[in-house]
Protein backbone atom coordinates (compact mmCIF):
# COMPACT_ATOMS: atom_id res chain seq x y z
CA UNK A 1 58.79 -4.81 -12.14
CA UNK A 2 57.80 -8.20 -10.81
CA UNK A 3 56.32 -6.64 -7.68
CA UNK A 4 54.20 -4.29 -9.77
CA UNK A 5 52.82 -7.25 -11.70
CA UNK A 6 52.15 -9.09 -8.43
CA UNK A 7 50.39 -6.07 -6.94
CA UNK A 8 48.34 -5.69 -10.11
CA UNK A 9 47.38 -9.34 -10.03
CA UNK A 10 46.39 -9.21 -6.34
CA UNK A 11 44.33 -6.07 -6.92
CA UNK A 12 42.58 -7.52 -9.98
CA UNK A 13 41.75 -10.71 -8.04
CA UNK A 14 40.28 -8.62 -5.18
CA UNK A 15 38.23 -6.55 -7.64
CA UNK A 16 37.07 -9.72 -9.39
CA UNK A 17 36.12 -11.30 -6.06
CA UNK A 18 34.10 -8.21 -5.09
CA UNK A 19 32.35 -8.20 -8.47
CA UNK A 20 31.47 -11.90 -8.21
CA UNK A 21 30.19 -11.41 -4.66
CA UNK A 22 28.08 -8.42 -5.71
CA UNK A 23 26.79 -10.36 -8.73
CA UNK A 24 25.76 -13.26 -6.53
CA UNK A 25 24.09 -11.00 -4.00
CA UNK A 26 22.48 -8.40 -6.25
CA UNK A 27 22.61 -9.61 -9.85
CA UNK A 28 25.07 -9.11 -12.66
CA UNK A 29 24.51 -5.57 -13.91
CA UNK A 30 24.14 -2.77 -11.35
CA UNK A 31 22.20 -0.59 -13.83
CA UNK A 32 19.81 -3.44 -14.55
CA UNK A 33 19.59 -4.11 -10.84
CA UNK A 34 18.47 -0.54 -10.13
CA UNK A 35 15.98 -0.67 -13.02
CA UNK A 36 14.54 -3.99 -11.81
CA UNK A 37 14.24 -2.75 -8.23
CA UNK A 38 12.49 0.44 -9.34
CA UNK A 39 10.16 -1.46 -11.67
CA UNK A 40 9.37 -4.02 -8.99
CA UNK A 41 8.58 -1.28 -6.49
CA UNK A 42 6.38 0.49 -9.05
CA UNK A 43 4.46 -2.71 -9.83
CA UNK A 44 3.95 -3.44 -6.14
CA UNK A 45 2.66 0.12 -5.71
CA UNK A 46 0.21 -0.37 -8.58
CA UNK A 47 -1.01 -3.65 -7.11
CA UNK A 48 -1.44 -2.05 -3.67
CA UNK A 49 -3.35 0.89 -5.18
CA UNK A 50 -5.61 -1.46 -7.15
CA UNK A 51 -6.26 -3.54 -4.04
CA UNK A 52 -7.14 -0.48 -1.95
CA UNK A 53 -9.41 0.79 -4.74
CA UNK A 54 -11.15 -2.59 -5.01
CA UNK A 55 -11.72 -2.68 -1.24
CA UNK A 56 -13.19 0.83 -1.26
CA UNK A 57 -15.48 0.00 -4.19
CA UNK A 58 -16.59 -3.23 -2.49
CA UNK A 59 -17.40 -1.44 0.75
CA UNK A 60 -19.32 1.23 -1.14
CA UNK A 61 -21.24 -1.40 -3.11
CA UNK A 62 -22.21 -3.39 -0.04
CA UNK A 63 -23.26 -0.31 1.94
CA UNK A 64 -25.31 0.95 -1.03
CA UNK A 65 -26.97 -2.45 -1.41
CA UNK A 66 -27.83 -2.57 2.29
CA UNK A 67 -29.26 0.96 2.16
CA UNK A 68 -31.35 0.07 -0.90
CA UNK A 69 -32.71 -3.04 0.82
CA UNK A 70 -33.56 -1.04 3.94
CA UNK A 71 -35.35 1.57 1.81
CA UNK A 72 -37.30 -1.12 -0.06
CA UNK A 73 -38.27 -2.75 3.22
CA UNK A 74 -39.46 0.60 4.58
CA UNK A 75 -41.47 1.24 1.42
CA UNK A 76 -43.09 -2.19 1.70
CA UNK A 77 -43.95 -1.55 5.34
CA UNK A 78 -45.41 1.87 4.47
CA UNK A 79 -47.35 0.32 1.63
CA UNK A 80 -48.70 -2.41 3.93
CA UNK A 81 -49.66 0.18 6.54
CA UNK A 82 -51.38 2.36 3.96
CA UNK A 83 -53.26 -0.62 2.52
CA UNK A 84 -54.25 -1.66 6.06
CA UNK A 85 -55.32 1.92 6.81
CA UNK A 86 -57.31 2.00 3.58
CA UNK A 87 -59.01 -1.22 4.60
CA UNK A 88 -59.76 -0.07 8.16
CA UNK A 89 -59.92 3.66 7.53
CA UNK A 90 -63.36 4.12 5.86
CA UNK A 91 -65.23 2.39 8.67
CA UNK A 92 -63.51 4.50 11.29
CA UNK A 93 -64.02 7.73 9.40
CA UNK A 94 -67.70 6.87 8.81
CA UNK A 95 -68.15 6.12 12.50
CA UNK A 96 -66.37 9.28 13.59
CA UNK A 97 -68.40 11.49 11.22
CA UNK A 98 -71.75 10.05 12.44
CA UNK A 99 -70.81 10.35 16.12
CA UNK A 100 -68.94 13.60 16.56
CA UNK A 101 -67.23 13.77 19.90
CA UNK A 102 -67.95 16.82 22.00
CA UNK A 103 -65.23 19.33 22.33
CA UNK A 104 -63.74 19.72 25.81
CA UNK A 105 -64.95 23.32 26.14
CA UNK A 106 -68.64 22.47 25.67
CA UNK A 107 -68.95 19.60 28.10
CA UNK A 108 -70.08 21.70 31.00
CA UNK A 109 -72.65 23.79 29.08
């Protein structure tokens, strides 16, 4: 009877030691530990997804802004060329209409 009590006491001390070690390493409640680990992983996943989304949106915004600026620059250049052509164009067209150039087929005749 005394040996049974001793064996019980030794076993309970070993179980208690294992529980204290697990509690120090992983936390007190194993169910809560699993819930916290799952929640932490879920929150990290959400943060990673939000970060990836923000990076994609930023890249899209910057590329769109650069394309818009390039298009505006091209429009300004076209507008400057058309205004320069309008300024120079009437004198050239008046000169070319008063002095028609001979066609290559009629030069010899």
